[in-house]
mmCIF file of all heavy atoms, coordinates in Angstrom:
data_MODEL
# 
_entry.id   MODEL 
# 
loop_
_atom_site.group_PDB 
_atom_site.id 
_atom_site.type_symbol 
_atom_site.label_atom_id 
_atom_site.label_alt_id 
_atom_site.label_comp_id 
_atom_site.label_asym_id 
_atom_site.label_entity_id 
_atom_site.label_seq_id 
_atom_site.pdbx_PDB_ins_code 
_atom_site.Cartn_x 
_atom_site.Cartn_y 
_atom_site.Cartn_z 
_atom_site.occupancy 
_atom_site.B_iso_or_equiv 
_atom_site.pdbx_formal_charge 
_atom_site.auth_seq_id 
_atom_site.auth_comp_id 
_atom_site.auth_asym_id 
_atom_site.auth_atom_id 
_atom_site.pdbx_PDB_model_num 
ATOM 1   N N   . ASN A 1 1  ? 0.770  -1.207 -0.028  1.00 0.00 ? 1  ASN A N   1 
ATOM 2   C CA  . ASN A 1 1  ? 0.017  0.049  0.015   1.00 0.00 ? 1  ASN A CA  1 
ATOM 3   C C   . ASN A 1 1  ? 0.884  1.263  -0.046  1.00 0.00 ? 1  ASN A C   1 
ATOM 4   O O   . ASN A 1 1  ? 0.540  2.274  -0.637  1.00 0.00 ? 1  ASN A O   1 
ATOM 5   C CB  . ASN A 1 1  ? -0.907 0.038  1.279   1.00 0.00 ? 1  ASN A CB  1 
ATOM 6   C CG  . ASN A 1 1  ? -1.980 1.064  1.176   1.00 0.00 ? 1  ASN A CG  1 
ATOM 7   O OD1 . ASN A 1 1  ? -2.639 1.299  0.111   1.00 0.00 ? 1  ASN A OD1 1 
ATOM 8   N ND2 . ASN A 1 1  ? -2.040 1.808  2.313   1.00 0.00 ? 1  ASN A ND2 1 
ATOM 9   N N   . THR A 1 2  ? 2.051  1.168  0.699   1.00 0.00 ? 2  THR A N   1 
ATOM 10  C CA  . THR A 1 2  ? 2.932  2.388  0.765   1.00 0.00 ? 2  THR A CA  1 
ATOM 11  C C   . THR A 1 2  ? 3.465  2.760  -0.632  1.00 0.00 ? 2  THR A C   1 
ATOM 12  O O   . THR A 1 2  ? 3.652  3.877  -0.982  1.00 0.00 ? 2  THR A O   1 
ATOM 13  C CB  . THR A 1 2  ? 4.076  2.136  1.690   1.00 0.00 ? 2  THR A CB  1 
ATOM 14  O OG1 . THR A 1 2  ? 4.722  0.872  1.264   1.00 0.00 ? 2  THR A OG1 1 
ATOM 15  C CG2 . THR A 1 2  ? 3.611  1.981  3.163   1.00 0.00 ? 2  THR A CG2 1 
ATOM 16  N N   . ASP A 1 3  ? 3.675  1.591  -1.431  1.00 0.00 ? 3  ASP A N   1 
ATOM 17  C CA  . ASP A 1 3  ? 4.129  1.914  -2.866  1.00 0.00 ? 3  ASP A CA  1 
ATOM 18  C C   . ASP A 1 3  ? 3.137  2.607  -3.658  1.00 0.00 ? 3  ASP A C   1 
ATOM 19  O O   . ASP A 1 3  ? 3.448  3.548  -4.483  1.00 0.00 ? 3  ASP A O   1 
ATOM 20  C CB  . ASP A 1 3  ? 4.537  0.562  -3.529  1.00 0.00 ? 3  ASP A CB  1 
ATOM 21  C CG  . ASP A 1 3  ? 5.866  0.050  -2.970  1.00 0.00 ? 3  ASP A CG  1 
ATOM 22  O OD1 . ASP A 1 3  ? 6.554  0.713  -2.283  1.00 0.00 ? 3  ASP A OD1 1 
ATOM 23  O OD2 . ASP A 1 3  ? 6.140  -1.165 -3.280  1.00 0.00 ? 3  ASP A OD2 1 
ATOM 24  N N   . ARG A 1 4  ? 1.840  2.227  -3.491  1.00 0.00 ? 4  ARG A N   1 
ATOM 25  C CA  . ARG A 1 4  ? 0.830  2.829  -4.238  1.00 0.00 ? 4  ARG A CA  1 
ATOM 26  C C   . ARG A 1 4  ? 0.624  4.342  -3.831  1.00 0.00 ? 4  ARG A C   1 
ATOM 27  O O   . ARG A 1 4  ? 0.360  5.202  -4.726  1.00 0.00 ? 4  ARG A O   1 
ATOM 28  C CB  . ARG A 1 4  ? -0.456 2.066  -4.108  1.00 0.00 ? 4  ARG A CB  1 
ATOM 29  C CG  . ARG A 1 4  ? -0.366 0.740  -4.876  1.00 0.00 ? 4  ARG A CG  1 
ATOM 30  C CD  . ARG A 1 4  ? -1.730 -0.105 -4.817  1.00 0.00 ? 4  ARG A CD  1 
ATOM 31  N NE  . ARG A 1 4  ? -1.823 -0.765 -3.545  1.00 0.00 ? 4  ARG A NE  1 
ATOM 32  C CZ  . ARG A 1 4  ? -2.824 -0.537 -2.719  1.00 0.00 ? 4  ARG A CZ  1 
ATOM 33  N NH1 . ARG A 1 4  ? -3.723 0.286  -2.876  1.00 0.00 ? 4  ARG A NH1 1 
ATOM 34  N NH2 . ARG A 1 4  ? -2.856 -1.303 -1.472  1.00 0.00 ? 4  ARG A NH2 1 
ATOM 35  N N   . SER A 1 5  ? 0.782  4.576  -2.603  1.00 0.00 ? 5  SER A N   1 
ATOM 36  C CA  . SER A 1 5  ? 0.675  6.008  -2.112  1.00 0.00 ? 5  SER A CA  1 
ATOM 37  C C   . SER A 1 5  ? 1.839  6.807  -2.594  1.00 0.00 ? 5  SER A C   1 
ATOM 38  O O   . SER A 1 5  ? 1.607  8.011  -2.982  1.00 0.00 ? 5  SER A O   1 
ATOM 39  C CB  . SER A 1 5  ? 0.627  5.950  -0.541  1.00 0.00 ? 5  SER A CB  1 
ATOM 40  O OG  . SER A 1 5  ? -0.501 5.339  -0.052  1.00 0.00 ? 5  SER A OG  1 
ATOM 41  N N   . GLN A 1 6  ? 2.983  6.249  -2.622  1.00 0.00 ? 6  GLN A N   1 
ATOM 42  C CA  . GLN A 1 6  ? 4.061  6.948  -3.138  1.00 0.00 ? 6  GLN A CA  1 
ATOM 43  C C   . GLN A 1 6  ? 3.929  7.228  -4.619  1.00 0.00 ? 6  GLN A C   1 
ATOM 44  O O   . GLN A 1 6  ? 4.299  8.388  -5.090  1.00 0.00 ? 6  GLN A O   1 
ATOM 45  C CB  . GLN A 1 6  ? 5.388  6.056  -2.961  1.00 0.00 ? 6  GLN A CB  1 
ATOM 46  C CG  . GLN A 1 6  ? 6.653  6.700  -3.535  1.00 0.00 ? 6  GLN A CG  1 
ATOM 47  C CD  . GLN A 1 6  ? 7.163  7.925  -2.831  1.00 0.00 ? 6  GLN A CD  1 
ATOM 48  O OE1 . GLN A 1 6  ? 6.558  8.251  -1.726  1.00 0.00 ? 6  GLN A OE1 1 
ATOM 49  N NE2 . GLN A 1 6  ? 8.081  8.626  -3.390  1.00 0.00 ? 6  GLN A NE2 1 
ATOM 50  N N   . LEU A 1 7  ? 3.361  6.307  -5.386  1.00 0.00 ? 7  LEU A N   1 
ATOM 51  C CA  . LEU A 1 7  ? 3.140  6.464  -6.832  1.00 0.00 ? 7  LEU A CA  1 
ATOM 52  C C   . LEU A 1 7  ? 2.187  7.648  -6.986  1.00 0.00 ? 7  LEU A C   1 
ATOM 53  O O   . LEU A 1 7  ? 2.334  8.473  -7.927  1.00 0.00 ? 7  LEU A O   1 
ATOM 54  C CB  . LEU A 1 7  ? 2.562  5.180  -7.431  1.00 0.00 ? 7  LEU A CB  1 
ATOM 55  C CG  . LEU A 1 7  ? 2.058  5.337  -8.834  1.00 0.00 ? 7  LEU A CG  1 
ATOM 56  C CD1 . LEU A 1 7  ? 3.219  5.757  -9.800  1.00 0.00 ? 7  LEU A CD1 1 
ATOM 57  C CD2 . LEU A 1 7  ? 1.404  4.021  -9.368  1.00 0.00 ? 7  LEU A CD2 1 
ATOM 58  N N   . ALA A 1 8  ? 1.191  7.767  -6.179  1.00 0.00 ? 8  ALA A N   1 
ATOM 59  C CA  . ALA A 1 8  ? 0.197  8.839  -6.324  1.00 0.00 ? 8  ALA A CA  1 
ATOM 60  C C   . ALA A 1 8  ? 0.831  10.165 -6.125  1.00 0.00 ? 8  ALA A C   1 
ATOM 61  O O   . ALA A 1 8  ? 0.619  11.151 -6.907  1.00 0.00 ? 8  ALA A O   1 
ATOM 62  C CB  . ALA A 1 8  ? -0.910 8.668  -5.297  1.00 0.00 ? 8  ALA A CB  1 
ATOM 63  N N   . ARG A 1 9  ? 1.787  10.262 -5.200  1.00 0.00 ? 9  ARG A N   1 
ATOM 64  C CA  . ARG A 1 9  ? 2.488  11.528 -4.902  1.00 0.00 ? 9  ARG A CA  1 
ATOM 65  C C   . ARG A 1 9  ? 3.415  11.872 -6.138  1.00 0.00 ? 9  ARG A C   1 
ATOM 66  O O   . ARG A 1 9  ? 3.524  13.043 -6.608  1.00 0.00 ? 9  ARG A O   1 
ATOM 67  C CB  . ARG A 1 9  ? 3.334  11.406 -3.667  1.00 0.00 ? 9  ARG A CB  1 
ATOM 68  C CG  . ARG A 1 9  ? 2.420  11.448 -2.428  1.00 0.00 ? 9  ARG A CG  1 
ATOM 69  C CD  . ARG A 1 9  ? 3.284  11.697 -1.168  1.00 0.00 ? 9  ARG A CD  1 
ATOM 70  N NE  . ARG A 1 9  ? 4.117  10.557 -0.879  1.00 0.00 ? 9  ARG A NE  1 
ATOM 71  C CZ  . ARG A 1 9  ? 3.728  9.419  -0.144  1.00 0.00 ? 9  ARG A CZ  1 
ATOM 72  N NH1 . ARG A 1 9  ? 2.497  9.444  0.397   1.00 0.00 ? 9  ARG A NH1 1 
ATOM 73  N NH2 . ARG A 1 9  ? 4.596  8.474  0.100   1.00 0.00 ? 9  ARG A NH2 1 
ATOM 74  N N   . ILE A 1 10 ? 4.099  10.860 -6.666  1.00 0.00 ? 10 ILE A N   1 
ATOM 75  C CA  . ILE A 1 10 ? 4.984  11.075 -7.858  1.00 0.00 ? 10 ILE A CA  1 
ATOM 76  C C   . ILE A 1 10 ? 4.139  11.526 -8.997  1.00 0.00 ? 10 ILE A C   1 
ATOM 77  O O   . ILE A 1 10 ? 4.542  12.437 -9.784  1.00 0.00 ? 10 ILE A O   1 
ATOM 78  C CB  . ILE A 1 10 ? 5.693  9.717  -8.143  1.00 0.00 ? 10 ILE A CB  1 
ATOM 79  C CG1 . ILE A 1 10 ? 6.780  9.492  -7.036  1.00 0.00 ? 10 ILE A CG1 1 
ATOM 80  C CG2 . ILE A 1 10 ? 6.486  9.961  -9.482  1.00 0.00 ? 10 ILE A CG2 1 
ATOM 81  C CD1 . ILE A 1 10 ? 7.481  8.179  -7.147  1.00 0.00 ? 10 ILE A CD1 1 
ATOM 82  N N   . ALA A 1 11 ? 2.978  10.804 -9.179  1.00 0.00 ? 11 ALA A N   1 
ATOM 83  C CA  . ALA A 1 11 ? 2.141  11.172 -10.348 1.00 0.00 ? 11 ALA A CA  1 
ATOM 84  C C   . ALA A 1 11 ? 1.615  12.588 -10.270 1.00 0.00 ? 11 ALA A C   1 
ATOM 85  O O   . ALA A 1 11 ? 1.533  13.297 -11.338 1.00 0.00 ? 11 ALA A O   1 
ATOM 86  C CB  . ALA A 1 11 ? 0.941  10.161 -10.413 1.00 0.00 ? 11 ALA A CB  1 
ATOM 87  N N   . LYS A 1 12 ? 1.402  13.154 -9.063  1.00 0.00 ? 12 LYS A N   1 
ATOM 88  C CA  . LYS A 1 12 ? 0.940  14.468 -8.940  1.00 0.00 ? 12 LYS A CA  1 
ATOM 89  C C   . LYS A 1 12 ? 2.012  15.441 -9.329  1.00 0.00 ? 12 LYS A C   1 
ATOM 90  O O   . LYS A 1 12 ? 1.723  16.496 -9.959  1.00 0.00 ? 12 LYS A O   1 
ATOM 91  C CB  . LYS A 1 12 ? 0.550  14.669 -7.431  1.00 0.00 ? 12 LYS A CB  1 
ATOM 92  C CG  . LYS A 1 12 ? -0.132 16.055 -7.227  1.00 0.00 ? 12 LYS A CG  1 
ATOM 93  C CD  . LYS A 1 12 ? -1.364 16.139 -8.046  1.00 0.00 ? 12 LYS A CD  1 
ATOM 94  C CE  . LYS A 1 12 ? -1.984 17.570 -7.809  1.00 0.00 ? 12 LYS A CE  1 
ATOM 95  N NZ  . LYS A 1 12 ? -3.223 17.775 -8.794  1.00 0.00 ? 12 LYS A NZ  1 
ATOM 96  N N   . ARG A 1 13 ? 3.242  15.113 -8.892  1.00 0.00 ? 13 ARG A N   1 
ATOM 97  C CA  . ARG A 1 13 ? 4.376  16.042 -9.306  1.00 0.00 ? 13 ARG A CA  1 
ATOM 98  C C   . ARG A 1 13 ? 4.582  16.022 -10.808 1.00 0.00 ? 13 ARG A C   1 
ATOM 99  O O   . ARG A 1 13 ? 4.827  17.086 -11.388 1.00 0.00 ? 13 ARG A O   1 
ATOM 100 C CB  . ARG A 1 13 ? 5.585  15.589 -8.561  1.00 0.00 ? 13 ARG A CB  1 
ATOM 101 C CG  . ARG A 1 13 ? 5.619  15.961 -7.040  1.00 0.00 ? 13 ARG A CG  1 
ATOM 102 C CD  . ARG A 1 13 ? 6.993  15.919 -6.479  1.00 0.00 ? 13 ARG A CD  1 
ATOM 103 N NE  . ARG A 1 13 ? 7.631  14.562 -6.496  1.00 0.00 ? 13 ARG A NE  1 
ATOM 104 C CZ  . ARG A 1 13 ? 7.519  13.633 -5.660  1.00 0.00 ? 13 ARG A CZ  1 
ATOM 105 N NH1 . ARG A 1 13 ? 6.753  13.897 -4.513  1.00 0.00 ? 13 ARG A NH1 1 
ATOM 106 N NH2 . ARG A 1 13 ? 8.110  12.453 -5.690  1.00 0.00 ? 13 ARG A NH2 1 
ATOM 107 N N   . MET A 1 14 ? 4.464  14.854 -11.423 1.00 0.00 ? 14 MET A N   1 
ATOM 108 C CA  . MET A 1 14 ? 4.518  14.739 -12.902 1.00 0.00 ? 14 MET A CA  1 
ATOM 109 C C   . MET A 1 14 ? 3.419  15.585 -13.595 1.00 0.00 ? 14 MET A C   1 
ATOM 110 O O   . MET A 1 14 ? 3.794  16.261 -14.558 1.00 0.00 ? 14 MET A O   1 
ATOM 111 C CB  . MET A 1 14 ? 4.447  13.294 -13.360 1.00 0.00 ? 14 MET A CB  1 
ATOM 112 C CG  . MET A 1 14 ? 5.713  12.456 -13.034 1.00 0.00 ? 14 MET A CG  1 
ATOM 113 S SD  . MET A 1 14 ? 5.466  10.816 -13.663 1.00 0.00 ? 14 MET A SD  1 
ATOM 114 C CE  . MET A 1 14 ? 7.023  9.996  -13.166 1.00 0.00 ? 14 MET A CE  1 
ATOM 115 N N   . GLU A 1 15 ? 2.242  15.474 -13.077 1.00 0.00 ? 15 GLU A N   1 
ATOM 116 C CA  . GLU A 1 15 ? 1.159  16.251 -13.665 1.00 0.00 ? 15 GLU A CA  1 
ATOM 117 C C   . GLU A 1 15 ? 1.374  17.719 -13.485 1.00 0.00 ? 15 GLU A C   1 
ATOM 118 O O   . GLU A 1 15 ? 0.993  18.435 -14.452 1.00 0.00 ? 15 GLU A O   1 
ATOM 119 C CB  . GLU A 1 15 ? -0.177 15.704 -12.973 1.00 0.00 ? 15 GLU A CB  1 
ATOM 120 C CG  . GLU A 1 15 ? -1.492 16.239 -13.629 1.00 0.00 ? 15 GLU A CG  1 
ATOM 121 C CD  . GLU A 1 15 ? -1.941 17.555 -13.100 1.00 0.00 ? 15 GLU A CD  1 
ATOM 122 O OE1 . GLU A 1 15 ? -1.527 17.894 -11.977 1.00 0.00 ? 15 GLU A OE1 1 
ATOM 123 O OE2 . GLU A 1 15 ? -2.673 18.254 -13.797 1.00 0.00 ? 15 GLU A OE2 1 
ATOM 124 N N   . GLU A 1 16 ? 1.751  18.111 -12.376 1.00 0.00 ? 16 GLU A N   1 
ATOM 125 C CA  . GLU A 1 16 ? 2.158  19.629 -12.220 1.00 0.00 ? 16 GLU A CA  1 
ATOM 126 C C   . GLU A 1 16 ? 3.168  20.050 -13.181 1.00 0.00 ? 16 GLU A C   1 
ATOM 127 O O   . GLU A 1 16 ? 3.085  21.198 -13.759 1.00 0.00 ? 16 GLU A O   1 
ATOM 128 C CB  . GLU A 1 16 ? 2.510  19.879 -10.825 1.00 0.00 ? 16 GLU A CB  1 
ATOM 129 C CG  . GLU A 1 16 ? 1.307  19.661 -9.802  1.00 0.00 ? 16 GLU A CG  1 
ATOM 130 C CD  . GLU A 1 16 ? 1.773  19.789 -8.333  1.00 0.00 ? 16 GLU A CD  1 
ATOM 131 O OE1 . GLU A 1 16 ? 3.065  19.785 -8.082  1.00 0.00 ? 16 GLU A OE1 1 
ATOM 132 O OE2 . GLU A 1 16 ? 0.954  19.868 -7.427  1.00 0.00 ? 16 GLU A OE2 1 
ATOM 133 N N   . LYS A 1 17 ? 4.214  19.263 -13.366 1.00 0.00 ? 17 LYS A N   1 
ATOM 134 C CA  . LYS A 1 17 ? 5.285  19.647 -14.373 1.00 0.00 ? 17 LYS A CA  1 
ATOM 135 C C   . LYS A 1 17 ? 4.715  19.651 -15.790 1.00 0.00 ? 17 LYS A C   1 
ATOM 136 O O   . LYS A 1 17 ? 4.998  20.537 -16.540 1.00 0.00 ? 17 LYS A O   1 
ATOM 137 C CB  . LYS A 1 17 ? 6.414  18.603 -14.250 1.00 0.00 ? 17 LYS A CB  1 
ATOM 138 C CG  . LYS A 1 17 ? 7.595  19.014 -15.133 1.00 0.00 ? 17 LYS A CG  1 
ATOM 139 C CD  . LYS A 1 17 ? 8.715  18.046 -14.929 1.00 0.00 ? 17 LYS A CD  1 
ATOM 140 C CE  . LYS A 1 17 ? 9.934  18.385 -15.773 1.00 0.00 ? 17 LYS A CE  1 
ATOM 141 N NZ  . LYS A 1 17 ? 11.181 17.439 -15.572 1.00 0.00 ? 17 LYS A NZ  1 
ATOM 142 N N   . ALA A 1 18 ? 3.919  18.722 -16.065 1.00 0.00 ? 18 ALA A N   1 
ATOM 143 C CA  . ALA A 1 18 ? 3.228  18.666 -17.402 1.00 0.00 ? 18 ALA A CA  1 
ATOM 144 C C   . ALA A 1 18 ? 2.268  19.969 -17.651 1.00 0.00 ? 18 ALA A C   1 
ATOM 145 O O   . ALA A 1 18 ? 2.196  20.533 -18.729 1.00 0.00 ? 18 ALA A O   1 
ATOM 146 C CB  . ALA A 1 18 ? 2.355  17.405 -17.598 1.00 0.00 ? 18 ALA A CB  1 
ATOM 147 N N   . ASP A 1 19 ? 1.631  20.355 -16.466 1.00 0.00 ? 19 ASP A N   1 
ATOM 148 C CA  . ASP A 1 19 ? 0.841  21.580 -16.624 1.00 0.00 ? 19 ASP A CA  1 
ATOM 149 C C   . ASP A 1 19 ? 1.597  22.770 -16.936 1.00 0.00 ? 19 ASP A C   1 
ATOM 150 O O   . ASP A 1 19 ? 1.143  23.595 -17.792 1.00 0.00 ? 19 ASP A O   1 
ATOM 151 C CB  . ASP A 1 19 ? 0.030  21.807 -15.218 1.00 0.00 ? 19 ASP A CB  1 
ATOM 152 C CG  . ASP A 1 19 ? -1.112 20.959 -15.043 1.00 0.00 ? 19 ASP A CG  1 
ATOM 153 O OD1 . ASP A 1 19 ? -1.599 20.340 -15.994 1.00 0.00 ? 19 ASP A OD1 1 
ATOM 154 O OD2 . ASP A 1 19 ? -1.634 20.835 -13.825 1.00 0.00 ? 19 ASP A OD2 1 
ATOM 155 N N   . ARG A 1 20 ? 2.780  22.926 -16.402 1.00 0.00 ? 20 ARG A N   1 
ATOM 156 C CA  . ARG A 1 20 ? 3.623  24.004 -16.752 1.00 0.00 ? 20 ARG A CA  1 
ATOM 157 C C   . ARG A 1 20 ? 4.062  24.005 -18.186 1.00 0.00 ? 20 ARG A C   1 
ATOM 158 O O   . ARG A 1 20 ? 4.069  25.108 -18.875 1.00 0.00 ? 20 ARG A O   1 
ATOM 159 C CB  . ARG A 1 20 ? 4.899  24.057 -15.899 1.00 0.00 ? 20 ARG A CB  1 
ATOM 160 C CG  . ARG A 1 20 ? 4.624  24.394 -14.417 1.00 0.00 ? 20 ARG A CG  1 
ATOM 161 C CD  . ARG A 1 20 ? 5.824  24.707 -13.636 1.00 0.00 ? 20 ARG A CD  1 
ATOM 162 N NE  . ARG A 1 20 ? 6.682  23.495 -13.419 1.00 0.00 ? 20 ARG A NE  1 
ATOM 163 C CZ  . ARG A 1 20 ? 6.626  22.692 -12.494 1.00 0.00 ? 20 ARG A CZ  1 
ATOM 164 N NH1 . ARG A 1 20 ? 5.629  22.830 -11.455 1.00 0.00 ? 20 ARG A NH1 1 
ATOM 165 N NH2 . ARG A 1 20 ? 7.428  21.637 -12.310 1.00 0.00 ? 20 ARG A NH2 1 
ATOM 166 N N   . LEU A 1 21 ? 4.284  22.871 -18.730 1.00 0.00 ? 21 LEU A N   1 
ATOM 167 C CA  . LEU A 1 21 ? 4.612  22.736 -20.215 1.00 0.00 ? 21 LEU A CA  1 
ATOM 168 C C   . LEU A 1 21 ? 3.392  23.069 -21.046 1.00 0.00 ? 21 LEU A C   1 
ATOM 169 O O   . LEU A 1 21 ? 3.596  23.637 -22.141 1.00 0.00 ? 21 LEU A O   1 
ATOM 170 C CB  . LEU A 1 21 ? 5.132  21.348 -20.490 1.00 0.00 ? 21 LEU A CB  1 
ATOM 171 C CG  . LEU A 1 21 ? 6.488  20.925 -19.922 1.00 0.00 ? 21 LEU A CG  1 
ATOM 172 C CD1 . LEU A 1 21 ? 6.793  19.439 -20.189 1.00 0.00 ? 21 LEU A CD1 1 
ATOM 173 C CD2 . LEU A 1 21 ? 7.556  21.832 -20.461 1.00 0.00 ? 21 LEU A CD2 1 
ATOM 174 N N   . THR A 1 22 ? 2.238  22.677 -20.530 1.00 0.00 ? 22 THR A N   1 
ATOM 175 C CA  . THR A 1 22 ? 0.973  23.076 -21.288 1.00 0.00 ? 22 THR A CA  1 
ATOM 176 C C   . THR A 1 22 ? 0.824  24.552 -21.330 1.00 0.00 ? 22 THR A C   1 
ATOM 177 O O   . THR A 1 22 ? 0.497  25.103 -22.398 1.00 0.00 ? 22 THR A O   1 
ATOM 178 C CB  . THR A 1 22 ? -0.180 22.434 -20.581 1.00 0.00 ? 22 THR A CB  1 
ATOM 179 O OG1 . THR A 1 22 ? -0.048 20.957 -20.602 1.00 0.00 ? 22 THR A OG1 1 
ATOM 180 C CG2 . THR A 1 22 ? -1.530 22.769 -21.259 1.00 0.00 ? 22 THR A CG2 1 
ATOM 181 N N   . LEU A 1 23 ? 1.072  25.252 -20.334 1.00 0.00 ? 23 LEU A N   1 
ATOM 182 C CA  . LEU A 1 23 ? 0.954  26.626 -20.274 1.00 0.00 ? 23 LEU A CA  1 
ATOM 183 C C   . LEU A 1 23 ? 2.010  27.328 -21.242 1.00 0.00 ? 23 LEU A C   1 
ATOM 184 O O   . LEU A 1 23 ? 1.671  28.271 -21.934 1.00 0.00 ? 23 LEU A O   1 
ATOM 185 C CB  . LEU A 1 23 ? 1.130  27.238 -18.823 1.00 0.00 ? 23 LEU A CB  1 
ATOM 186 C CG  . LEU A 1 23 ? 0.066  26.927 -17.797 1.00 0.00 ? 23 LEU A CG  1 
ATOM 187 C CD1 . LEU A 1 23 ? 0.373  27.368 -16.468 1.00 0.00 ? 23 LEU A CD1 1 
ATOM 188 C CD2 . LEU A 1 23 ? -1.270 27.599 -18.256 1.00 0.00 ? 23 LEU A CD2 1 
ATOM 189 N N   . GLU A 1 24 ? 3.271  26.806 -21.226 1.00 0.00 ? 24 GLU A N   1 
ATOM 190 C CA  . GLU A 1 24 ? 4.220  27.296 -22.106 1.00 0.00 ? 24 GLU A CA  1 
ATOM 191 C C   . GLU A 1 24 ? 3.782  27.155 -23.637 1.00 0.00 ? 24 GLU A C   1 
ATOM 192 O O   . GLU A 1 24 ? 3.918  28.136 -24.386 1.00 0.00 ? 24 GLU A O   1 
ATOM 193 C CB  . GLU A 1 24 ? 5.545  26.580 -21.895 1.00 0.00 ? 24 GLU A CB  1 
ATOM 194 C CG  . GLU A 1 24 ? 6.686  27.073 -22.722 1.00 0.00 ? 24 GLU A CG  1 
ATOM 195 C CD  . GLU A 1 24 ? 7.963  26.278 -22.473 1.00 0.00 ? 24 GLU A CD  1 
ATOM 196 O OE1 . GLU A 1 24 ? 8.075  25.617 -21.493 1.00 0.00 ? 24 GLU A OE1 1 
ATOM 197 O OE2 . GLU A 1 24 ? 8.885  26.358 -23.325 1.00 0.00 ? 24 GLU A OE2 1 
# 
């Protein structure tokens, strides 16, 4: 379960980085 929670946090950071590229 800890791995899946860690994945969710990593995915959120990736999505935020992708959002910045979208704005650019």
